[in-house]
Amino acid sequence: MIKGLPEKLKKLRLKYGYSQKETAAKLKVSPSVVSGYETGERTPSTEVLLQLAYLYNCSTDYLLGKQAPPPESALDASGLTDRQIAAFAGLLRVMNDKD
C-alpha cells in the first residue's frame, strides 16, 4: 500500500463528484476495485495510477506522496475550445493590468 493514496483517491473522487461506480466505468474496472483502492486493500497498477492522475487532473507524484497537492485555484480548461481559452486568457490579462 502507498501511504496516503487511499485518502487522496477518495478525496479527489468526491471533489470531482464521481461515484465509485462512475470512477470504475472511467477506469474500466469494477466498483469493488475502486473501493479497494480507497480502503487500501488494493494498490493500483502503474497503468491505472496514470489513468487516475489524468482523471483527477493531478500528477502521479502527488498521488504517490512526492509532491504537494495541486493548488485549489487551478482551472481545468480541458473542455474548452481554443477560442474560449484565448478569450479567457485575454480576460485574465485585462484583470491583471495595473493601468
Protein backbone atom coordinates (compact mmCIF):
# COMPACT_ATOMS: atom_id res chain seq x y z
CA MET A 1 0.00 0.00 0.00
CA ILE A 2 1.16 3.52 -0.83
CA LYS A 3 0.94 5.73 2.25
CA GLY A 4 -1.87 8.30 1.92
CA LEU A 5 -3.03 7.09 -1.50
CA PRO A 6 -6.41 5.72 -0.39
CA GLU A 7 -7.36 9.01 1.27
CA LYS A 8 -6.21 11.06 -1.71
CA LEU A 9 -8.16 8.93 -4.16
CA LYS A 10 -11.37 9.23 -2.16
CA LYS A 11 -10.92 12.98 -1.64
CA LEU A 12 -10.27 13.55 -5.35
CA ARG A 13 -13.22 11.37 -6.40
CA LEU A 14 -15.54 13.35 -4.16
CA LYS A 15 -14.05 16.66 -5.31
CA TYR A 16 -14.91 15.77 -8.90
CA GLY A 17 -18.35 14.50 -7.89
CA TYR A 18 -17.87 10.93 -9.13
CA SER A 19 -19.38 7.88 -7.51
CA GLN A 20 -17.26 4.77 -7.19
CA LYS A 21 -19.35 3.26 -9.97
CA GLU A 22 -18.66 6.21 -12.29
CA THR A 23 -14.96 6.13 -11.49
CA ALA A 24 -14.86 2.39 -12.13
CA ALA A 25 -16.51 2.86 -15.53
CA LYS A 26 -13.95 5.52 -16.49
CA LEU A 27 -11.09 3.24 -15.43
CA LYS A 28 -12.71 0.13 -16.94
CA VAL A 29 -12.58 -1.75 -13.63
CA SER A 30 -15.28 -2.92 -11.24
CA PRO A 31 -16.62 -0.66 -8.46
CA SER A 32 -15.20 -3.11 -5.91
CA VAL A 33 -11.70 -2.45 -7.31
CA VAL A 34 -12.17 1.31 -6.85
CA SER A 35 -13.41 0.63 -3.32
CA GLY A 36 -10.28 -1.45 -2.69
CA TYR A 37 -8.07 1.41 -3.84
CA GLU A 38 -9.85 3.79 -1.46
CA THR A 39 -9.64 1.45 1.54
CA GLY A 40 -6.04 0.46 0.90
CA GLU A 41 -6.90 -3.18 0.31
CA ARG A 42 -5.65 -2.89 -3.28
CA THR A 43 -2.86 -0.92 -4.92
CA PRO A 44 -3.42 0.38 -8.45
CA SER A 45 -1.10 -0.75 -11.21
CA THR A 46 1.15 1.80 -12.88
CA GLU A 47 -1.28 1.98 -15.80
CA VAL A 48 -4.26 2.64 -13.50
CA LEU A 49 -2.24 5.17 -11.48
CA LEU A 50 -1.63 7.11 -14.70
CA GLN A 51 -5.34 6.92 -15.57
CA LEU A 52 -6.23 8.22 -12.09
CA ALA A 53 -3.80 11.13 -12.41
CA TYR A 54 -5.34 12.06 -15.76
CA LEU A 55 -8.90 11.62 -14.46
CA TYR A 56 -8.28 13.80 -11.40
CA ASN A 57 -6.04 16.32 -13.18
CA CYS A 58 -3.08 15.79 -10.85
CA SER A 59 0.38 14.31 -11.09
CA THR A 60 1.37 10.78 -10.24
CA ASP A 61 3.94 12.37 -7.92
CA TYR A 62 1.07 13.89 -5.93
CA LEU A 63 -0.74 10.54 -5.75
CA LEU A 64 2.48 8.84 -4.62
CA GLY A 65 3.15 11.47 -1.95
CA LYS A 66 6.17 13.02 -3.66
CA GLN A 67 4.57 16.40 -4.42
CA ALA A 68 2.25 18.89 -2.72
CA PRO A 69 -1.42 18.83 -3.68
CA PRO A 70 -2.45 20.78 -6.76
CA PRO A 71 -3.50 24.33 -5.94
CA GLU A 72 -7.22 24.81 -5.39
CA SER A 73 -7.16 27.83 -7.67
CA ALA A 74 -6.10 25.78 -10.69
CA LEU A 75 -8.56 25.80 -13.55
CA ASP A 76 -9.39 22.84 -15.74
CA ALA A 77 -9.62 24.10 -19.32
CA SER A 78 -9.70 20.64 -20.89
CA GLY A 79 -13.31 21.04 -22.10
CA LEU A 80 -12.82 24.49 -23.63
CA THR A 81 -12.24 25.27 -27.29
CA ASP A 82 -9.12 27.14 -28.40
CA ARG A 83 -11.28 30.22 -28.93
CA GLN A 84 -12.69 30.02 -25.39
CA ILE A 85 -9.21 29.58 -23.91
CA ALA A 86 -7.94 32.61 -25.85
CA ALA A 87 -10.90 34.70 -24.64
CA PHE A 88 -10.31 33.65 -21.06
CA ALA A 89 -6.59 34.39 -21.33
CA GLY A 90 -7.45 37.86 -22.66
CA LEU A 91 -9.79 38.45 -19.74
CA LEU A 92 -7.05 37.46 -17.30
CA ARG A 93 -4.61 39.87 -18.97
CA VAL A 94 -7.14 42.71 -18.62
CA MET A 95 -7.81 41.85 -14.98
CA ASN A 96 -4.07 41.80 -14.21
CA ASP A 97 -3.39 45.08 -15.99
CA LYS A 98 -2.17 47.60 -13.44
CA ASP A 99 -3.00 50.70 -15.53
